[in-house]
Amino acid sequence: MNKTTIVATLALGALCALTSGCGKSKALTAAEAYQAAACACKDTACVTASTTKFAAASADMASASSSEAEAIGKATMAASECITKVTMASVPGMPK
């Protein structure tokens, strides 16, 4: 391998790492971002904002491959569990 090939390969790898979506569809990236955002929420306003943002990205679901379906399902299920915890904690009289 010559120096140019090595440098180009390293640059492409760095670009992939920096964009954090290398090899992932927009759908999977959106689902993972939704999980991270929803699970970071401490109040219902945050939950609403993260859900609204994910709904806007739902058009990207068509970009998902069948092999990513399970990962997308897991990410959205985890987000739902986090949202349920925040929502239940905001109801007066509910145990926290």
Protein backbone atom coordinates (compact mmCIF):
# COMPACT_ATOMS: atom_id res chain seq x y z
CA MET A 1 0.00 0.00 0.00
CA ASN A 2 1.24 3.43 -0.75
CA LYS A 3 1.03 6.43 1.57
CA THR A 4 -1.88 8.00 -0.30
CA THR A 5 -4.03 4.88 0.05
CA ILE A 6 -3.29 4.61 3.75
CA VAL A 7 -4.07 8.28 4.37
CA ALA A 8 -7.29 8.06 2.36
CA THR A 9 -8.38 4.95 4.26
CA LEU A 10 -7.67 6.58 7.62
CA ALA A 11 -9.51 9.76 6.58
CA LEU A 12 -12.56 7.78 5.48
CA GLY A 13 -12.54 5.83 8.74
CA ALA A 14 -12.29 9.03 10.77
CA LEU A 15 -15.14 10.58 8.81
CA CYS A 16 -17.27 7.52 9.44
CA ALA A 17 -16.49 7.60 13.16
CA LEU A 18 -17.22 11.32 13.44
CA THR A 19 -20.59 11.08 11.73
CA SER A 20 -21.50 8.12 13.99
CA GLY A 21 -23.84 6.73 11.39
CA CYS A 22 -21.39 4.66 9.42
CA GLY A 23 -23.20 1.58 8.21
CA LYS A 24 -26.47 2.56 9.85
CA SER A 25 -29.60 3.74 8.13
CA LYS A 26 -31.17 7.07 8.99
CA ALA A 27 -33.97 5.12 10.65
CA LEU A 28 -31.68 3.32 13.08
CA THR A 29 -29.74 6.48 13.80
CA ALA A 30 -33.02 8.32 14.50
CA ALA A 31 -34.29 5.53 16.78
CA GLU A 32 -31.05 5.49 18.77
CA ALA A 33 -31.09 9.28 19.08
CA TYR A 34 -34.72 9.08 20.24
CA GLN A 35 -33.81 6.54 22.91
CA ALA A 36 -30.94 8.68 24.17
CA ALA A 37 -33.06 11.84 24.21
CA ALA A 38 -36.10 10.23 25.84
CA CYS A 39 -34.06 8.50 28.52
CA ALA A 40 -32.30 11.76 29.38
CA CYS A 41 -35.65 13.49 30.04
CA LYS A 42 -36.66 14.51 33.54
CA ASP A 43 -40.01 16.15 32.72
CA THR A 44 -42.94 15.82 30.34
CA ALA A 45 -41.94 18.86 28.28
CA CYS A 46 -38.69 17.13 27.39
CA VAL A 47 -40.56 13.91 26.59
CA THR A 48 -42.90 15.81 24.28
CA ALA A 49 -39.99 17.49 22.51
CA SER A 50 -38.09 14.24 21.97
CA THR A 51 -41.20 12.46 20.73
CA THR A 52 -42.04 15.29 18.35
CA LYS A 53 -38.50 15.25 16.95
CA PHE A 54 -38.67 11.48 16.45
CA ALA A 55 -42.06 11.74 14.75
CA ALA A 56 -40.57 14.24 12.31
CA ALA A 57 -37.86 11.70 11.51
CA SER A 58 -40.40 8.93 10.88
CA ALA A 59 -40.10 9.49 7.14
CA ASP A 60 -36.62 7.99 7.50
CA MET A 61 -38.11 4.67 8.59
CA ALA A 62 -38.30 3.68 4.92
CA SER A 63 -34.50 3.69 4.85
CA ALA A 64 -34.25 0.88 7.40
CA SER A 65 -33.07 -2.51 6.29
CA SER A 66 -34.83 -5.62 7.49
CA SER A 67 -31.74 -6.54 9.48
CA GLU A 68 -32.10 -3.32 11.49
CA ALA A 69 -35.73 -3.88 12.46
CA GLU A 70 -34.87 -5.58 15.75
CA ALA A 71 -32.42 -2.85 16.78
CA ILE A 72 -34.96 -0.15 15.92
CA GLY A 73 -37.61 -2.00 17.91
CA LYS A 74 -35.32 -2.29 20.93
CA ALA A 75 -34.39 1.40 20.81
CA THR A 76 -38.00 2.57 20.55
CA MET A 77 -39.10 0.15 23.28
CA ALA A 78 -36.38 1.45 25.61
CA ALA A 79 -37.46 5.02 24.80
CA SER A 80 -41.06 4.10 25.60
CA GLU A 81 -40.05 2.65 28.96
CA CYS A 82 -38.16 5.84 29.83
CA ILE A 83 -41.12 7.98 28.75
CA THR A 84 -43.49 5.89 30.86
CA LYS A 85 -41.31 6.44 33.95
CA VAL A 86 -41.21 10.21 33.42
CA THR A 87 -44.93 10.39 32.71
CA MET A 88 -45.89 8.29 35.73
CA ALA A 89 -43.62 10.34 37.99
CA SER A 90 -45.45 13.50 36.89
CA VAL A 91 -48.86 12.16 37.96
CA PRO A 92 -49.75 13.36 41.47
CA GLY A 93 -49.96 10.55 43.99
CA MET A 94 -47.97 8.05 41.92
CA PRO A 95 -44.99 6.41 43.59
CA LYS A 96 -41.68 7.64 42.23
